[in-house]
Amino acid sequence: MLQDSFGRIHDYLRISLTDHCNFRCTYCMPQEEMEWMPQSKLMSKDEILKLAETFIQLGVKKIRLTGGEPLVRKEFPEILEHLSHHPVELTLTTNGVLINKHIDALKKAGVRSVNVSLDTLNREKFIQLTRRDNLEQVWNNILLLLDEGFRVKINAVALHGLIEDEICDFVALTEKQPLHVRFIEFMPFAGNHWKSKKVVTASQMLTLVEEKYSIEKLEDKKHDTAKKYKVPGFAGTFAFITTMSENFCAGCNRIRLTADGKIKNCLFGKEELDLLGALRKGEDVEKLIRLSISRKHKALGGQFDPDYLKANPDQIINRSMIKIGG
């Protein structure tokens, strides 16, 4: 069991399979020319599986595969297949473009839930945000997942100047389709030009939804990061991930493993320990994992005030989101 100094048990591991992505989302990576990590610095397939097995032995019950974009990694089907033999719930976060090529592998591995990142339903805005013209393909793959019986969550980053016009369009998607739309408050990472005035809070978004719909609050579970709602009679739900306006650190059970094998005990934490280096040297990986969890801060990686209006992005030491993993 992995328990930190605040009594939080950590049993949910997010593994970044690669720092590469076939999108160039402006809020995820710096606009400057990206420098990808060399292959020698990344975890190999066998190293990913070995480290995952260690975490499972320490009590991890759920593993989410992320990136970058995890489906661009050529060994994705093999990694997924090997992990499926362990007693863990497997999930995936993806931009959705390559889902059709991997749908059979996902079904065979017993994956039941997939998160698809989609920040706009407008083609021109999609191109502007991602620097790619793939909205139709993403939407078709969302429908494919639904047709194949997957639980589909759409993750939309709430960008000021964008989400206000589209929030009700996203909620409207849940009328006929059993989709679960989640609006994520804009968070600060290296190079994404975060400012507090760019944050659209859950409260502000909820007000916009209530101008059009009657809504009801749903029950949130202990480790949920999203505050869930639905429009009565609609097939799906919508929710808000309130990282900035109302953090949920008290119930955090998450651990992150970056593509280069570093453990991060918090999305916002600056401290990282090198599990891959230790593994390659034959050193005690379990000891480092426990050390990392023991050092976890009470909230927000100890880097900024819970009042996001006081956060100074220039003083936050962290990687860009694509280097951390979704």
Protein backbone atom coordinates (compact mmCIF):
# COMPACT_ATOMS: atom_id res chain seq x y z
CA MET A 1 0.00 0.00 0.00
CA LEU A 2 1.24 3.48 -0.89
CA GLN A 3 0.17 6.01 1.74
CA ASP A 4 1.42 9.57 2.07
CA SER A 5 1.97 11.61 5.24
CA PHE A 6 -1.61 12.95 5.03
CA GLY A 7 -3.16 9.47 5.05
CA ARG A 8 -4.03 9.40 1.35
CA ILE A 9 -3.74 5.96 -0.25
CA HIS A 10 -2.46 6.00 -3.82
CA ASP A 11 -3.83 3.24 -6.04
CA TYR A 12 -4.27 4.99 -9.41
CA LEU A 13 -1.30 5.20 -11.79
CA ARG A 14 -1.15 7.28 -14.98
CA ILE A 15 1.57 6.09 -17.35
CA SER A 16 2.74 8.36 -20.17
CA LEU A 17 3.77 6.11 -23.05
CA THR A 18 5.38 8.88 -25.10
CA ASP A 19 5.94 12.62 -25.17
CA HIS A 20 5.08 12.65 -28.89
CA CYS A 21 1.71 13.80 -30.19
CA ASN A 22 0.05 14.18 -33.57
CA PHE A 23 -1.65 17.40 -32.39
CA ARG A 24 -0.03 20.70 -31.35
CA CYS A 25 -2.55 22.05 -28.84
CA THR A 26 -1.58 25.53 -27.73
CA TYR A 27 -2.46 25.07 -24.04
CA CYS A 28 -0.60 21.74 -23.79
CA MET A 29 2.78 22.48 -25.31
CA PRO A 30 4.79 25.63 -25.83
CA GLN A 31 4.39 27.28 -29.22
CA GLU A 32 8.15 27.22 -29.65
CA GLU A 33 9.64 24.35 -31.65
CA MET A 34 9.29 21.22 -29.52
CA GLU A 35 12.31 19.11 -28.67
CA TRP A 36 11.28 15.50 -28.23
CA MET A 37 13.14 13.24 -25.86
CA PRO A 38 15.54 10.82 -27.61
CA GLN A 39 14.47 7.18 -27.69
CA SER A 40 17.25 6.20 -25.30
CA LYS A 41 15.73 8.43 -22.62
CA LEU A 42 12.25 6.94 -22.93
CA MET A 43 11.00 3.82 -21.20
CA SER A 44 11.09 0.75 -23.42
CA LYS A 45 8.07 -1.53 -23.60
CA ASP A 46 9.65 -3.98 -21.16
CA GLU A 47 10.62 -1.19 -18.77
CA ILE A 48 7.07 0.17 -18.78
CA LEU A 49 5.71 -3.27 -17.97
CA LYS A 50 8.30 -3.91 -15.25
CA LEU A 51 7.59 -0.61 -13.50
CA ALA A 52 3.84 -1.12 -13.87
CA GLU A 53 4.15 -4.55 -12.23
CA THR A 54 6.02 -2.98 -9.32
CA PHE A 55 3.25 -0.41 -8.81
CA ILE A 56 0.61 -3.14 -9.00
CA GLN A 57 2.45 -5.13 -6.32
CA LEU A 58 2.34 -1.96 -4.17
CA GLY A 59 -1.43 -1.72 -4.41
CA VAL A 60 -2.23 0.10 -7.66
CA LYS A 61 -5.68 -0.98 -8.89
CA LYS A 62 -6.19 1.33 -11.86
CA ILE A 63 -3.85 2.31 -14.70
CA ARG A 64 -4.53 5.03 -17.27
CA LEU A 65 -2.38 5.14 -20.40
CA THR A 66 -1.63 8.68 -21.57
CA GLY A 67 0.86 10.64 -23.65
CA GLY A 68 1.53 12.88 -25.47
CA GLU A 69 -0.80 10.81 -27.54
CA PRO A 70 -0.48 7.17 -26.39
CA LEU A 71 -1.81 5.73 -29.64
CA VAL A 72 1.14 7.07 -31.66
CA ARG A 73 3.43 4.63 -29.86
CA LYS A 74 3.93 1.62 -32.14
CA GLU A 75 3.99 -0.85 -29.24
CA PHE A 76 0.72 0.42 -27.78
CA PRO A 77 -1.24 -2.79 -28.59
CA GLU A 78 1.48 -4.96 -27.03
CA ILE A 79 1.74 -2.83 -23.89
CA LEU A 80 -2.03 -2.85 -23.52
CA GLU A 81 -2.25 -6.61 -24.03
CA HIS A 82 0.42 -7.35 -21.41
CA LEU A 83 -1.14 -5.01 -18.84
CA SER A 84 -4.54 -6.63 -19.39
CA HIS A 85 -3.26 -9.81 -17.71
CA HIS A 86 -2.91 -7.99 -14.38
CA PRO A 87 -5.74 -7.38 -11.87
CA VAL A 88 -6.12 -3.68 -12.70
CA GLU A 89 -8.71 -1.50 -14.38
CA LEU A 90 -7.26 -0.21 -17.64
CA THR A 91 -8.29 3.13 -19.11
CA LEU A 92 -7.03 5.51 -21.77
CA THR A 93 -6.83 9.23 -22.50
CA THR A 94 -6.50 10.08 -26.20
CA ASN A 95 -7.20 12.79 -28.74
CA GLY A 96 -9.27 10.20 -30.57
CA VAL A 97 -7.78 10.38 -34.06
CA LEU A 98 -6.39 6.82 -34.12
CA ILE A 99 -9.10 5.07 -32.11
CA ASN A 100 -10.49 3.25 -35.16
CA LYS A 101 -7.12 1.55 -35.68
CA HIS A 102 -7.02 0.24 -32.09
CA ILE A 103 -10.66 -0.47 -31.27
CA ASP A 104 -10.20 -4.24 -31.38
CA ALA A 105 -7.14 -4.13 -29.12
CA LEU A 106 -9.05 -2.01 -26.59
CA LYS A 107 -11.97 -4.42 -26.57
CA LYS A 108 -9.72 -7.46 -26.27
CA ALA A 109 -7.86 -5.92 -23.32
CA GLY A 110 -11.09 -5.29 -21.46
CA VAL A 111 -10.92 -1.50 -21.58
CA ARG A 112 -14.39 -0.18 -20.77
CA SER A 113 -13.86 3.59 -20.50
CA VAL A 114 -12.02 6.03 -22.77
CA ASN A 115 -11.41 9.75 -22.27
CA VAL A 116 -11.28 11.79 -25.48
CA SER A 117 -9.82 15.30 -25.42
CA LEU A 118 -12.01 17.66 -27.46
CA ASP A 119 -12.07 21.37 -26.70
CA THR A 120 -14.34 22.68 -29.44
CA LEU A 121 -17.09 21.43 -31.75
CA ASN A 122 -16.26 24.06 -34.36
CA ARG A 123 -13.95 22.99 -37.18
CA GLU A 124 -12.18 26.35 -37.60
CA LYS A 125 -11.58 26.66 -33.86
CA PHE A 126 -10.38 23.05 -33.76
CA ILE A 127 -7.80 23.79 -36.43
CA GLN A 128 -6.70 26.91 -34.56
CA LEU A 129 -6.33 25.04 -31.26
CA THR A 130 -4.73 21.81 -32.45
CA ARG A 131 -3.09 23.03 -35.67
CA ARG A 132 -4.70 19.99 -37.32
CA ASP A 133 -7.87 19.45 -39.38
CA ASN A 134 -9.15 16.29 -37.68
CA LEU A 135 -12.43 17.23 -36.00
CA GLU A 136 -14.56 14.97 -38.20
CA GLN A 137 -12.28 11.99 -37.57
CA VAL A 138 -12.33 12.57 -33.82
CA TRP A 139 -16.12 12.81 -33.74
CA ASN A 140 -16.55 9.69 -35.89
CA ASN A 141 -14.30 7.79 -33.48
CA ILE A 142 -16.32 9.01 -30.49
CA LEU A 143 -19.42 7.59 -32.16
CA LEU A 144 -17.52 4.36 -32.89
CA LEU A 145 -16.61 4.00 -29.21
CA LEU A 146 -20.24 4.50 -28.23
CA ASP A 147 -21.41 1.98 -30.81
CA GLU A 148 -18.92 -0.55 -29.41
CA GLY A 149 -20.25 -0.10 -25.87
CA PHE A 150 -17.48 2.00 -24.34
CA ARG A 151 -18.14 4.61 -21.67
CA VAL A 152 -16.90 7.81 -23.30
CA LYS A 153 -15.83 10.94 -21.46
CA ILE A 154 -15.10 14.10 -23.43
CA ASN A 155 -12.48 16.32 -21.79
CA ALA A 156 -12.81 19.97 -22.78
CA VAL A 157 -10.32 22.51 -21.43
CA ALA A 158 -12.30 25.63 -20.51
CA LEU A 159 -10.41 28.34 -22.35
CA HIS A 160 -11.58 31.91 -21.81
CA GLY A 161 -13.03 33.34 -25.01
CA LEU A 162 -13.86 29.90 -26.36
CA ILE A 163 -15.84 27.79 -23.91
CA GLU A 164 -18.41 30.50 -23.11
CA ASP A 165 -19.91 30.23 -26.62
CA GLU A 166 -19.82 26.45 -26.75
CA ILE A 167 -20.59 25.16 -23.28
CA CYS A 168 -24.29 24.65 -23.99
CA ASP A 169 -23.43 22.97 -27.31
CA PHE A 170 -21.35 20.45 -25.38
CA VAL A 171 -24.15 19.88 -22.87
CA ALA A 172 -26.56 19.38 -25.78
CA LEU A 173 -24.44 16.40 -26.89
CA THR A 174 -25.58 14.56 -23.76
CA GLU A 175 -29.26 14.70 -24.73
CA LYS A 176 -29.29 11.76 -27.16
CA GLN A 177 -25.88 10.18 -26.56
CA PRO A 178 -24.67 8.67 -23.25
CA LEU A 179 -21.64 10.95 -23.28
CA HIS A 180 -19.99 12.34 -20.18
CA VAL A 181 -18.65 15.82 -20.91
CA ARG A 182 -16.12 17.25 -18.46
CA PHE A 183 -15.03 20.89 -18.50
CA ILE A 184 -11.52 21.36 -17.13
CA GLU A 185 -10.44 24.66 -15.64
CA PHE A 186 -7.34 25.99 -17.41
CA MET A 187 -4.21 25.07 -15.43
CA PRO A 188 -0.67 26.53 -15.43
CA PHE A 189 2.21 24.59 -16.99
CA ALA A 190 5.55 25.55 -18.49
CA GLY A 191 5.14 27.44 -21.73
CA ASN A 192 1.33 27.56 -21.92
CA HIS A 193 1.10 31.30 -21.11
CA TRP A 194 -1.34 30.76 -18.24
CA LYS A 195 -2.87 33.79 -16.56
CA SER A 196 -5.58 33.83 -13.92
CA LYS A 197 -7.81 35.93 -16.17
CA LYS A 198 -7.81 33.09 -18.70
CA VAL A 199 -9.50 30.77 -16.19
CA VAL A 200 -13.23 30.21 -16.59
CA THR A 201 -14.38 28.74 -13.28
CA ALA A 202 -16.92 25.97 -12.77
CA SER A 203 -19.24 28.44 -11.10
CA GLN A 204 -19.12 30.74 -14.11
CA MET A 205 -19.74 27.84 -16.51
CA LEU A 206 -22.58 26.49 -14.41
CA THR A 207 -24.31 29.87 -14.58
CA LEU A 208 -24.11 29.76 -18.37
CA VAL A 209 -25.61 26.26 -18.47
CA GLU A 210 -28.42 27.22 -16.10
CA GLU A 211 -29.44 30.05 -18.42
CA LYS A 212 -30.58 27.39 -20.89
CA TYR A 213 -31.20 24.17 -18.95
CA SER A 214 -32.71 22.95 -15.73
CA ILE A 215 -30.07 20.77 -14.09
CA GLU A 216 -29.64 18.39 -11.20
CA LYS A 217 -26.52 17.66 -9.11
CA LEU A 218 -25.29 14.07 -9.09
CA GLU A 219 -23.43 12.31 -6.30
CA ASP A 220 -19.64 12.57 -6.41
CA LYS A 221 -17.47 9.71 -5.16
CA LYS A 222 -14.49 10.03 -2.81
CA HIS A 223 -11.74 10.17 -5.43
CA ASP A 224 -13.68 11.97 -8.15
CA THR A 225 -11.97 14.97 -9.65
CA ALA A 226 -15.17 16.08 -11.39
CA LYS A 227 -18.34 17.58 -9.91
CA LYS A 228 -21.13 15.90 -11.87
CA TYR A 229 -24.49 17.19 -13.13
CA LYS A 230 -27.10 16.25 -15.66
CA VAL A 231 -30.09 17.68 -17.44
CA PRO A 232 -33.11 15.60 -16.36
CA GLY A 233 -34.12 13.24 -19.15
CA PHE A 234 -30.80 13.49 -20.99
CA ALA A 235 -28.85 10.30 -21.71
CA GLY A 236 -25.49 11.59 -20.56
CA THR A 237 -23.96 13.89 -17.96
CA PHE A 238 -21.66 16.88 -17.69
CA ALA A 239 -19.15 17.82 -15.02
CA PHE A 240 -16.53 20.34 -13.97
CA ILE A 241 -12.93 19.61 -12.97
CA THR A 242 -12.32 22.46 -10.53
CA THR A 243 -8.55 22.29 -10.11
CA MET A 244 -8.13 26.05 -9.91
CA SER A 245 -11.26 27.31 -8.15
CA GLU A 246 -11.80 24.41 -5.71
CA ASN A 247 -9.03 21.84 -5.61
CA PHE A 248 -9.71 18.22 -4.72
CA CYS A 249 -6.27 17.41 -3.32
CA ALA A 250 -7.67 16.03 -0.06
CA GLY A 251 -8.95 12.94 -1.85
CA CYS A 252 -6.10 12.50 -4.33
CA ASN A 253 -5.07 8.91 -5.05
CA ARG A 254 -3.04 9.55 -8.23
CA ILE A 255 0.55 8.89 -9.21
CA ARG A 256 2.17 9.81 -12.53
CA LEU A 257 4.94 8.05 -14.41
CA THR A 258 6.40 10.18 -17.19
CA ALA A 259 7.56 8.80 -20.52
CA ASP A 260 11.17 9.09 -19.37
CA GLY A 261 10.46 7.09 -16.24
CA LYS A 262 10.19 9.81 -13.59
CA ILE A 263 7.62 9.48 -10.82
CA LYS A 264 5.55 12.59 -10.08
CA ASN A 265 3.46 12.44 -6.94
CA CYS A 266 1.42 15.48 -8.07
CA LEU A 267 0.55 17.02 -11.41
CA PHE A 268 1.88 20.36 -10.13
CA GLY A 269 4.84 19.01 -8.19
CA LYS A 270 8.36 20.04 -9.16
CA GLU A 271 9.97 17.07 -7.41
CA GLU A 272 10.62 14.00 -9.57
CA LEU A 273 12.50 10.79 -8.79
CA ASP A 274 14.16 8.76 -11.54
CA LEU A 275 12.64 5.27 -11.49
CA LEU A 276 13.93 4.39 -14.95
CA GLY A 277 17.50 5.24 -14.04
CA ALA A 278 17.24 3.13 -10.90
CA LEU A 279 15.70 0.23 -12.82
CA ARG A 280 18.49 0.28 -15.39
CA LYS A 281 21.09 0.26 -12.60
CA GLY A 282 19.39 -2.60 -10.77
CA GLU A 283 18.60 -0.38 -7.79
CA ASP A 284 15.61 -0.55 -5.45
CA VAL A 285 12.72 1.01 -7.37
CA GLU A 286 10.15 0.29 -4.65
CA LYS A 287 12.15 2.37 -2.16
CA LEU A 288 12.07 5.37 -4.53
CA ILE A 289 8.33 5.00 -5.12
CA ARG A 290 7.63 5.02 -1.40
CA LEU A 291 9.96 7.97 -0.91
CA SER A 292 8.15 9.96 -3.59
CA ILE A 293 4.73 9.31 -2.07
CA SER A 294 6.01 10.20 1.40
CA ARG A 295 7.14 13.60 0.10
CA LYS A 296 3.80 14.55 -1.44
CA HIS A 297 2.58 18.00 -0.47
CA LYS A 298 -0.85 18.61 1.02
CA ALA A 299 -2.12 20.47 -2.04
CA LEU A 300 -1.13 21.68 -5.52
CA GLY A 301 2.40 20.37 -5.31
CA GLY A 302 3.17 22.97 -2.67
CA GLN A 303 3.76 25.42 -5.51
CA PHE A 304 0.91 27.89 -5.37
CA ASP A 305 -1.88 29.22 -3.20
CA PRO A 306 -5.28 27.47 -3.34
CA ASP A 307 -6.61 30.88 -4.36
CA TYR A 308 -5.70 30.69 -8.04
CA LEU A 309 -5.96 34.48 -8.37
CA LYS A 310 -2.76 34.69 -6.30
CA ALA A 311 -0.86 32.16 -8.43
CA ASN A 312 2.25 33.46 -10.19
CA PRO A 313 3.00 31.22 -13.18
CA ASP A 314 6.55 32.55 -13.41
CA GLN A 315 7.32 31.05 -10.00
CA ILE A 316 5.91 27.59 -10.75
CA ILE A 317 8.60 25.04 -11.59
CA ASN A 318 7.19 22.24 -13.74
CA ARG A 319 7.26 20.67 -17.17
CA SER A 320 4.89 21.43 -20.02
CA MET A 321 1.78 19.26 -19.95
CA ILE A 322 2.92 17.12 -22.85
CA LYS A 323 6.15 16.31 -21.01
CA ILE A 324 4.21 15.26 -17.91
CA GLY A 325 1.49 13.15 -19.50
CA GLY A 326 -2.26 13.73 -19.45
